[in-house]
Amino acid sequence: MEEKNNQCCCPQFNVEKWDKKTLNWSNKQFIKESIPTLFHIPFPPMIGKKITKMWKLAEGIQATDQNKEDTLVLFTDPSPFKSEIYLSVTKKIPNANNIIISGTFVSRVFDGSYNAIPKLIKQMNEYLGEIGKKARNYYVHYAYCPKCAKKFGHNYMILFAEV
């Protein structure tokens, strides 16, 4: 997932594929890493290092999705001082923290900055109320790295609400 020859490293994002969808995950496989944060603010260089490490582990044993558009990198903050990163994989990966996620998730796509997350969660909660659902947990997927967000002119993110 590295940028090469000044080209974008992230696949173009399809909003319609993810916005206002209900997804049922049954034993969806991920690998997990964590990074320290300061009141939910991550240290950007650590994010890139962790994701690169995870990607190389998965790619090394051909455990990445064939269609990169289907690859999810999810973030959740269990505390103000820790963020967890989950990379979707297609099989168990040796020497990695393998995690299974199952459940029903409602997704919404937003276009905004990282610091807008509290406002976006509020909007998501309003939407969930309209459809008779309530979130138990949230995961965020950022569609683009900062360089690709600048190139495409959007900073799309998917909020996945576990309902």
N, C-alpha and C. Protein backbone atom coordinates (compact mmCIF):
# COMPACT_ATOMS: atom_id res chain seq x y z
N MET A 1 0.83 -1.18 0.00
CA MET A 1 0.00 0.00 0.00
C MET A 1 0.88 1.26 0.00
N GLU A 2 2.01 1.17 -0.60
CA GLU A 2 2.91 2.31 -0.66
C GLU A 2 2.69 3.10 -1.94
N GLU A 3 2.95 4.39 -1.85
CA GLU A 3 2.83 5.23 -3.03
C GLU A 3 4.07 5.07 -3.89
N LYS A 4 3.88 4.82 -5.18
CA LYS A 4 5.00 4.61 -6.09
C LYS A 4 4.85 5.53 -7.29
N ASN A 5 5.96 6.10 -7.70
CA ASN A 5 5.99 6.96 -8.88
C ASN A 5 4.96 8.07 -8.81
N ASN A 6 4.77 8.63 -7.62
CA ASN A 6 3.85 9.75 -7.41
C ASN A 6 2.42 9.41 -7.81
N GLN A 7 2.06 8.13 -7.81
CA GLN A 7 0.71 7.73 -8.11
C GLN A 7 -0.01 7.41 -6.81
N CYS A 8 -1.30 7.43 -6.87
CA CYS A 8 -2.10 7.16 -5.68
C CYS A 8 -1.99 5.68 -5.30
N CYS A 9 -1.87 5.42 -4.02
CA CYS A 9 -1.73 4.04 -3.55
C CYS A 9 -3.07 3.44 -3.14
N CYS A 10 -4.07 4.26 -2.95
CA CYS A 10 -5.38 3.78 -2.49
C CYS A 10 -6.34 3.64 -3.67
N PRO A 11 -7.12 2.57 -3.68
CA PRO A 11 -8.09 2.44 -4.78
C PRO A 11 -9.18 3.51 -4.66
N GLN A 12 -9.72 3.91 -5.80
CA GLN A 12 -10.79 4.90 -5.79
C GLN A 12 -11.98 4.34 -5.01
N PHE A 13 -12.56 5.17 -4.18
CA PHE A 13 -13.60 4.76 -3.25
C PHE A 13 -14.98 4.89 -3.88
N ASN A 14 -15.82 3.86 -3.68
CA ASN A 14 -17.18 3.83 -4.19
C ASN A 14 -18.15 4.07 -3.03
N VAL A 15 -18.65 5.29 -2.92
CA VAL A 15 -19.53 5.67 -1.81
C VAL A 15 -20.77 4.78 -1.76
N GLU A 16 -21.40 4.55 -2.92
CA GLU A 16 -22.66 3.80 -2.97
C GLU A 16 -22.52 2.38 -2.44
N LYS A 17 -21.34 1.81 -2.56
CA LYS A 17 -21.11 0.44 -2.10
C LYS A 17 -21.25 0.31 -0.58
N TRP A 18 -20.96 1.39 0.14
CA TRP A 18 -20.89 1.32 1.59
C TRP A 18 -21.91 2.18 2.33
N ASP A 19 -22.51 3.17 1.70
CA ASP A 19 -23.38 4.10 2.42
C ASP A 19 -24.76 3.51 2.69
N LYS A 20 -25.17 3.59 3.94
CA LYS A 20 -26.49 3.13 4.41
C LYS A 20 -26.73 1.65 4.09
N LYS A 21 -25.74 0.84 4.39
CA LYS A 21 -25.84 -0.61 4.16
C LYS A 21 -25.89 -1.33 5.50
N THR A 22 -26.54 -2.48 5.51
CA THR A 22 -26.51 -3.38 6.66
C THR A 22 -25.71 -4.59 6.26
N LEU A 23 -24.68 -4.87 7.06
CA LEU A 23 -23.76 -5.96 6.76
C LEU A 23 -23.80 -6.99 7.88
N ASN A 24 -23.86 -8.24 7.51
CA ASN A 24 -23.82 -9.33 8.48
C ASN A 24 -22.48 -10.04 8.33
N TRP A 25 -21.62 -9.82 9.30
CA TRP A 25 -20.32 -10.46 9.28
C TRP A 25 -20.37 -11.71 10.14
N SER A 26 -19.98 -12.82 9.58
CA SER A 26 -19.91 -14.08 10.30
C SER A 26 -18.47 -14.58 10.23
N ASN A 27 -17.79 -14.50 11.35
CA ASN A 27 -16.39 -14.93 11.43
C ASN A 27 -15.49 -14.22 10.42
N LYS A 28 -15.67 -12.90 10.29
CA LYS A 28 -14.83 -12.10 9.40
C LYS A 28 -13.45 -11.98 10.04
N GLN A 29 -12.42 -12.30 9.25
CA GLN A 29 -11.07 -12.37 9.77
C GLN A 29 -10.33 -11.05 9.64
N PHE A 30 -9.61 -10.71 10.71
CA PHE A 30 -8.77 -9.52 10.77
C PHE A 30 -7.49 -9.86 11.51
N ILE A 31 -6.48 -9.02 11.32
CA ILE A 31 -5.36 -9.01 12.24
C ILE A 31 -5.38 -7.66 12.94
N LYS A 32 -4.86 -7.64 14.16
CA LYS A 32 -5.03 -6.45 15.01
C LYS A 32 -3.69 -5.97 15.54
N GLU A 33 -3.54 -4.66 15.59
CA GLU A 33 -2.42 -3.98 16.23
C GLU A 33 -3.00 -2.84 17.05
N SER A 34 -2.22 -2.31 17.95
CA SER A 34 -2.67 -1.14 18.70
C SER A 34 -1.58 -0.08 18.72
N ILE A 35 -2.01 1.16 18.89
CA ILE A 35 -1.07 2.29 18.97
C ILE A 35 -1.50 3.19 20.10
N PRO A 36 -0.55 3.87 20.72
CA PRO A 36 -0.92 4.82 21.75
C PRO A 36 -1.53 6.08 21.13
N THR A 37 -2.43 6.69 21.86
CA THR A 37 -3.02 7.97 21.44
C THR A 37 -2.99 8.91 22.65
N LEU A 38 -3.16 10.16 22.40
CA LEU A 38 -3.26 11.15 23.46
C LEU A 38 -4.63 11.80 23.32
N PHE A 39 -5.55 11.40 24.18
CA PHE A 39 -6.94 11.85 24.12
C PHE A 39 -7.52 11.64 22.72
N HIS A 40 -7.38 10.40 22.23
CA HIS A 40 -7.90 9.93 20.94
C HIS A 40 -7.15 10.47 19.73
N ILE A 41 -6.07 11.20 19.94
CA ILE A 41 -5.29 11.73 18.82
C ILE A 41 -4.10 10.80 18.61
N PRO A 42 -4.07 10.10 17.47
CA PRO A 42 -2.96 9.17 17.22
C PRO A 42 -1.70 9.91 16.79
N PHE A 43 -0.60 9.21 16.87
CA PHE A 43 0.67 9.73 16.38
C PHE A 43 0.81 9.23 14.94
N PRO A 44 0.61 10.11 13.94
CA PRO A 44 0.54 9.67 12.54
C PRO A 44 1.65 8.75 12.06
N PRO A 45 2.92 8.99 12.40
CA PRO A 45 3.95 8.06 11.89
C PRO A 45 3.72 6.62 12.37
N MET A 46 3.15 6.45 13.54
CA MET A 46 2.92 5.10 14.06
C MET A 46 1.83 4.39 13.26
N ILE A 47 0.84 5.13 12.79
CA ILE A 47 -0.24 4.52 12.02
C ILE A 47 0.33 3.89 10.76
N GLY A 48 1.11 4.66 10.02
CA GLY A 48 1.71 4.15 8.79
C GLY A 48 2.60 2.94 9.03
N LYS A 49 3.40 2.98 10.07
CA LYS A 49 4.29 1.86 10.38
C LYS A 49 3.50 0.60 10.71
N LYS A 50 2.44 0.74 11.52
CA LYS A 50 1.64 -0.43 11.90
C LYS A 50 0.90 -1.01 10.70
N ILE A 51 0.30 -0.13 9.90
CA ILE A 51 -0.46 -0.62 8.74
C ILE A 51 0.49 -1.28 7.74
N THR A 52 1.66 -0.69 7.52
CA THR A 52 2.65 -1.30 6.62
C THR A 52 3.07 -2.67 7.14
N LYS A 53 3.31 -2.78 8.43
CA LYS A 53 3.69 -4.06 9.03
C LYS A 53 2.58 -5.10 8.82
N MET A 54 1.34 -4.70 9.10
CA MET A 54 0.21 -5.61 8.95
C MET A 54 0.05 -6.04 7.49
N TRP A 55 0.14 -5.08 6.59
CA TRP A 55 -0.03 -5.35 5.16
C TRP A 55 1.03 -6.33 4.67
N LYS A 56 2.27 -6.13 5.08
CA LYS A 56 3.35 -7.02 4.65
C LYS A 56 3.15 -8.43 5.17
N LEU A 57 2.68 -8.57 6.42
CA LEU A 57 2.39 -9.90 6.95
C LEU A 57 1.31 -10.59 6.12
N ALA A 58 0.24 -9.86 5.82
CA ALA A 58 -0.88 -10.44 5.06
C ALA A 58 -0.48 -10.73 3.62
N GLU A 59 0.19 -9.79 2.99
CA GLU A 59 0.59 -9.95 1.60
C GLU A 59 1.62 -11.06 1.46
N GLY A 60 2.46 -11.23 2.48
CA GLY A 60 3.51 -12.24 2.44
C GLY A 60 2.98 -13.67 2.32
N ILE A 61 1.77 -13.90 2.83
CA ILE A 61 1.18 -15.24 2.69
C ILE A 61 -0.09 -15.20 1.85
N GLN A 62 -0.20 -14.18 1.03
CA GLN A 62 -1.34 -14.02 0.11
C GLN A 62 -2.67 -14.11 0.85
N ALA A 63 -2.80 -13.28 1.89
CA ALA A 63 -4.02 -13.25 2.70
C ALA A 63 -4.76 -11.93 2.56
N THR A 64 -4.47 -11.19 1.48
CA THR A 64 -5.18 -9.94 1.24
C THR A 64 -6.30 -10.19 0.23
N ASP A 65 -7.32 -9.36 0.27
CA ASP A 65 -8.41 -9.48 -0.70
C ASP A 65 -7.88 -9.24 -2.11
N GLN A 66 -8.33 -10.05 -3.06
CA GLN A 66 -7.93 -9.86 -4.45
C GLN A 66 -8.35 -8.48 -4.94
N ASN A 67 -9.54 -8.05 -4.53
CA ASN A 67 -10.04 -6.73 -4.88
C ASN A 67 -9.70 -5.80 -3.72
N LYS A 68 -8.71 -4.93 -3.91
CA LYS A 68 -8.25 -4.06 -2.82
C LYS A 68 -9.36 -3.14 -2.31
N GLU A 69 -10.38 -2.90 -3.12
CA GLU A 69 -11.50 -2.07 -2.67
C GLU A 69 -12.25 -2.73 -1.52
N ASP A 70 -12.13 -4.04 -1.38
CA ASP A 70 -12.82 -4.76 -0.32
C ASP A 70 -12.00 -4.86 0.97
N THR A 71 -10.74 -4.43 0.92
CA THR A 71 -9.89 -4.48 2.10
C THR A 71 -10.31 -3.38 3.06
N LEU A 72 -10.51 -3.76 4.31
CA LEU A 72 -10.89 -2.80 5.34
C LEU A 72 -9.75 -2.63 6.34
N VAL A 73 -9.49 -1.40 6.69
CA VAL A 73 -8.60 -1.06 7.79
C VAL A 73 -9.48 -0.30 8.78
N LEU A 74 -9.84 -0.98 9.86
CA LEU A 74 -10.76 -0.41 10.83
C LEU A 74 -10.01 0.12 12.04
N PHE A 75 -10.51 1.22 12.57
CA PHE A 75 -9.96 1.82 13.78
C PHE A 75 -11.06 1.90 14.83
N THR A 76 -10.68 1.65 16.07
CA THR A 76 -11.57 1.89 17.19
C THR A 76 -10.71 2.33 18.36
N ASP A 77 -11.27 3.16 19.21
CA ASP A 77 -10.54 3.67 20.38
C ASP A 77 -11.19 3.15 21.65
N PRO A 78 -10.63 2.09 22.25
CA PRO A 78 -11.22 1.58 23.48
C PRO A 78 -10.97 2.51 24.68
N SER A 79 -10.01 3.44 24.55
CA SER A 79 -9.75 4.42 25.60
C SER A 79 -9.16 5.66 24.96
N PRO A 80 -9.08 6.77 25.71
CA PRO A 80 -8.47 7.98 25.15
C PRO A 80 -6.98 7.84 24.85
N PHE A 81 -6.37 6.75 25.34
CA PHE A 81 -4.93 6.60 25.21
C PHE A 81 -4.51 5.40 24.37
N LYS A 82 -5.48 4.80 23.68
CA LYS A 82 -5.18 3.61 22.88
C LYS A 82 -6.14 3.52 21.70
N SER A 83 -5.57 3.26 20.54
CA SER A 83 -6.37 3.01 19.34
C SER A 83 -6.01 1.61 18.84
N GLU A 84 -7.01 0.90 18.35
CA GLU A 84 -6.79 -0.42 17.78
C GLU A 84 -7.03 -0.36 16.28
N ILE A 85 -6.16 -1.05 15.55
CA ILE A 85 -6.24 -1.10 14.09
C ILE A 85 -6.49 -2.54 13.68
N TYR A 86 -7.48 -2.75 12.81
CA TYR A 86 -7.83 -4.08 12.31
C TYR A 86 -7.70 -4.07 10.79
N LEU A 87 -6.95 -5.03 10.26
CA LEU A 87 -6.82 -5.19 8.81
C LEU A 87 -7.54 -6.46 8.41
N SER A 88 -8.49 -6.35 7.47
CA SER A 88 -9.22 -7.54 7.02
C SER A 88 -8.27 -8.43 6.22
N VAL A 89 -8.37 -9.73 6.48
CA VAL A 89 -7.54 -10.72 5.80
C VAL A 89 -8.41 -11.89 5.38
N THR A 90 -7.85 -12.74 4.53
CA THR A 90 -8.63 -13.86 4.01
C THR A 90 -8.33 -15.19 4.70
N LYS A 91 -7.30 -15.19 5.55
CA LYS A 91 -6.97 -16.40 6.30
C LYS A 91 -6.12 -16.03 7.52
N LYS A 92 -5.97 -16.99 8.42
CA LYS A 92 -5.18 -16.79 9.62
C LYS A 92 -3.73 -16.53 9.24
N ILE A 93 -3.10 -15.60 9.96
CA ILE A 93 -1.74 -15.20 9.65
C ILE A 93 -0.82 -15.56 10.83
N PRO A 94 0.21 -16.36 10.57
CA PRO A 94 1.16 -16.69 11.63
C PRO A 94 1.86 -15.43 12.16
N ASN A 95 2.16 -15.43 13.43
CA ASN A 95 2.88 -14.33 14.08
C ASN A 95 2.11 -13.00 14.05
N ALA A 96 0.80 -13.10 14.01
CA ALA A 96 -0.05 -11.90 14.05
C ALA A 96 -1.15 -12.12 15.08
N ASN A 97 -1.73 -11.04 15.53
CA ASN A 97 -2.85 -11.12 16.46
C ASN A 97 -4.12 -11.29 15.63
N ASN A 98 -4.52 -12.54 15.40
CA ASN A 98 -5.68 -12.86 14.57
C ASN A 98 -6.96 -12.67 15.38
N ILE A 99 -7.91 -11.97 14.78
CA ILE A 99 -9.17 -11.63 15.43
C ILE A 99 -10.32 -12.00 14.49
N ILE A 100 -11.40 -12.48 15.08
CA ILE A 100 -12.63 -12.76 14.33
C ILE A 100 -13.68 -11.75 14.79
N ILE A 101 -14.36 -11.13 13.84
CA ILE A 101 -15.46 -10.21 14.18
C ILE A 101 -16.72 -10.75 13.53
N SER A 102 -17.74 -10.91 14.34
CA SER A 102 -19.06 -11.34 13.86
C SER A 102 -20.10 -10.38 14.39
N GLY A 103 -21.14 -10.19 13.61
CA GLY A 103 -22.24 -9.34 14.06
C GLY A 103 -22.90 -8.62 12.92
N THR A 104 -23.89 -7.81 13.28
CA THR A 104 -24.60 -7.00 12.29
C THR A 104 -24.09 -5.57 12.43
N PHE A 105 -23.76 -4.97 11.29
CA PHE A 105 -23.20 -3.63 11.26
C PHE A 105 -23.98 -2.78 10.26
N VAL A 106 -24.22 -1.55 10.63
CA VAL A 106 -24.81 -0.57 9.72
C VAL A 106 -23.69 0.39 9.36
N SER A 107 -23.54 0.66 8.07
CA SER A 107 -22.46 1.55 7.62
C SER A 107 -23.03 2.83 7.03
N ARG A 108 -22.28 3.90 7.25
CA ARG A 108 -22.57 5.20 6.64
C ARG A 108 -21.26 5.80 6.18
N VAL A 109 -21.28 6.47 5.06
CA VAL A 109 -20.10 7.13 4.53
C VAL A 109 -20.19 8.62 4.83
N PHE A 110 -19.08 9.17 5.28
CA PHE A 110 -18.97 10.60 5.55
C PHE A 110 -17.71 11.11 4.85
N ASP A 111 -17.67 12.41 4.61
CA ASP A 111 -16.52 13.06 4.01
C ASP A 111 -16.12 14.19 4.94
N GLY A 112 -15.03 14.01 5.66
CA GLY A 112 -14.63 15.03 6.62
C GLY A 112 -13.31 14.70 7.27
N SER A 113 -12.94 15.53 8.22
CA SER A 113 -11.65 15.37 8.88
C SER A 113 -11.76 14.43 10.08
N TYR A 114 -10.61 13.94 10.50
CA TYR A 114 -10.53 13.03 11.64
C TYR A 114 -11.20 13.63 12.87
N ASN A 115 -10.96 14.92 13.10
CA ASN A 115 -11.50 15.54 14.32
C ASN A 115 -13.02 15.73 14.27
N ALA A 116 -13.66 15.41 13.16
CA ALA A 116 -15.12 15.50 13.06
C ALA A 116 -15.81 14.22 13.55
N ILE A 117 -15.06 13.21 13.94
CA ILE A 117 -15.64 11.92 14.33
C ILE A 117 -16.75 12.06 15.37
N PRO A 118 -16.57 12.83 16.46
CA PRO A 118 -17.69 12.92 17.43
C PRO A 118 -18.98 13.45 16.80
N LYS A 119 -18.88 14.44 15.93
CA LYS A 119 -20.06 14.98 15.24
C LYS A 119 -20.66 13.93 14.30
N LEU A 120 -19.81 13.17 13.62
CA LEU A 120 -20.29 12.16 12.69
C LEU A 120 -20.95 11.00 13.43
N ILE A 121 -20.43 10.65 14.58
CA ILE A 121 -21.06 9.61 15.39
C ILE A 121 -22.45 10.08 15.84
N LYS A 122 -22.57 11.34 16.17
CA LYS A 122 -23.88 11.88 16.55
C LYS A 122 -24.85 11.77 15.36
N GLN A 123 -24.39 12.12 14.16
CA GLN A 123 -25.24 11.99 12.96
C GLN A 123 -25.61 10.53 12.72
N MET A 124 -24.65 9.64 12.93
CA MET A 124 -24.89 8.21 12.75
C MET A 124 -25.93 7.73 13.76
N ASN A 125 -25.83 8.17 15.01
CA ASN A 125 -26.80 7.77 16.02
C ASN A 125 -28.20 8.25 15.66
N GLU A 126 -28.31 9.45 15.09
CA GLU A 126 -29.61 9.95 14.64
C GLU A 126 -30.16 9.05 13.52
N TYR A 127 -29.30 8.68 12.58
CA TYR A 127 -29.72 7.80 11.48
C TYR A 127 -30.16 6.44 12.04
N LEU A 128 -29.38 5.89 12.95
CA LEU A 128 -29.74 4.60 13.54
C LEU A 128 -31.09 4.67 14.24
N GLY A 129 -31.35 5.78 14.94
CA GLY A 129 -32.65 5.97 15.59
C GLY A 129 -33.79 5.95 14.58
N GLU A 130 -33.56 6.56 13.41
CA GLU A 130 -34.59 6.59 12.36
C GLU A 130 -34.93 5.20 11.85
N ILE A 131 -33.95 4.28 11.89
CA ILE A 131 -34.20 2.93 11.38
C ILE A 131 -34.39 1.93 12.53
N GLY A 132 -34.57 2.46 13.74
CA GLY A 132 -34.88 1.61 14.89
C GLY A 132 -33.71 0.79 15.41
N LYS A 133 -32.51 1.30 15.28
CA LYS A 133 -31.31 0.59 15.74
C LYS A 133 -30.55 1.44 16.75
N LYS A 134 -29.67 0.79 17.49
CA LYS A 134 -28.81 1.48 18.44
C LYS A 134 -27.42 0.85 18.38
N ALA A 135 -26.38 1.70 18.37
CA ALA A 135 -25.00 1.22 18.25
C ALA A 135 -24.49 0.71 19.59
N ARG A 136 -23.79 -0.43 19.51
CA ARG A 136 -23.09 -0.96 20.69
C ARG A 136 -21.61 -0.62 20.63
N ASN A 137 -21.10 -0.44 19.41
CA ASN A 137 -19.69 -0.15 19.20
C ASN A 137 -19.52 0.47 17.83
N TYR A 138 -18.43 1.20 17.65
CA TYR A 138 -18.12 1.81 16.37
C TYR A 138 -16.73 1.44 15.89
N TYR A 139 -16.62 1.27 14.58
CA TYR A 139 -15.34 1.14 13.90
C TYR A 139 -15.33 2.16 12.77
N VAL A 140 -14.16 2.70 12.47
CA VAL A 140 -14.03 3.68 11.39
C VAL A 140 -13.02 3.15 10.37
N HIS A 141 -13.40 3.25 9.09
CA HIS A 141 -12.49 2.92 7.99
C HIS A 141 -12.26 4.21 7.21
N TYR A 142 -11.00 4.57 7.04
CA TYR A 142 -10.64 5.72 6.23
C TYR A 142 -10.32 5.22 4.84
N ALA A 143 -11.02 5.74 3.84
CA ALA A 143 -10.88 5.24 2.48
C ALA A 143 -9.53 5.58 1.86
N TYR A 144 -8.95 6.71 2.25
CA TYR A 144 -7.71 7.17 1.63
C TYR A 144 -6.67 7.53 2.68
N CYS A 145 -5.42 7.30 2.32
CA CYS A 145 -4.31 7.84 3.11
C CYS A 145 -4.31 9.36 2.88
N PRO A 146 -3.58 10.12 3.70
CA PRO A 146 -3.60 11.59 3.51
C PRO A 146 -3.20 12.06 2.12
N LYS A 147 -2.22 11.42 1.50
CA LYS A 147 -1.79 11.84 0.15
C LYS A 147 -2.87 11.58 -0.88
N CYS A 148 -3.53 10.44 -0.79
CA CYS A 148 -4.59 10.12 -1.76
C CYS A 148 -5.83 10.98 -1.51
N ALA A 149 -6.11 11.29 -0.24
CA ALA A 149 -7.25 12.17 0.07
C ALA A 149 -7.03 13.53 -0.60
N LYS A 150 -5.81 14.01 -0.54
CA LYS A 150 -5.49 15.28 -1.19
C LYS A 150 -5.66 15.17 -2.70
N LYS A 151 -5.17 14.07 -3.28
CA LYS A 151 -5.26 13.89 -4.73
C LYS A 151 -6.72 13.80 -5.18
N PHE A 152 -7.54 12.98 -4.47
CA PHE A 152 -8.94 12.79 -4.86
C PHE A 152 -9.85 13.94 -4.41
N GLY A 153 -9.39 14.76 -3.46
CA GLY A 153 -10.18 15.89 -3.00
C GLY A 153 -11.28 15.49 -2.02
N HIS A 154 -11.17 14.31 -1.43
CA HIS A 154 -12.15 13.84 -0.44
C HIS A 154 -11.43 13.08 0.66
N ASN A 155 -11.97 13.14 1.86
CA ASN A 155 -11.45 12.35 2.96
C ASN A 155 -12.59 11.46 3.46
N TYR A 156 -12.95 10.50 2.61
CA TYR A 156 -14.06 9.61 2.94
C TYR A 156 -13.72 8.69 4.10
N MET A 157 -14.71 8.45 4.91
CA MET A 157 -14.59 7.46 5.97
C MET A 157 -15.92 6.74 6.09
N ILE A 158 -15.84 5.48 6.48
CA ILE A 158 -17.04 4.69 6.73
C ILE A 158 -17.14 4.48 8.24
N LEU A 159 -18.27 4.82 8.79
CA LEU A 159 -18.56 4.46 10.17
C LEU A 159 -19.33 3.15 10.14
N PHE A 160 -18.82 2.16 10.83
CA PHE A 160 -19.50 0.89 10.99
C PHE A 160 -20.04 0.84 12.42
N ALA A 161 -21.35 0.82 12.56
CA ALA A 161 -21.97 0.72 13.88
C ALA A 161 -22.39 -0.72 14.09
N GLU A 162 -21.85 -1.32 15.14
CA GLU A 162 -22.30 -2.67 15.49
C GLU A 162 -23.63 -2.51 16.20
N VAL A 163 -24.67 -3.14 15.67
CA VAL A 163 -26.02 -2.98 16.22
C VAL A 163 -26.56 -4.28 16.77
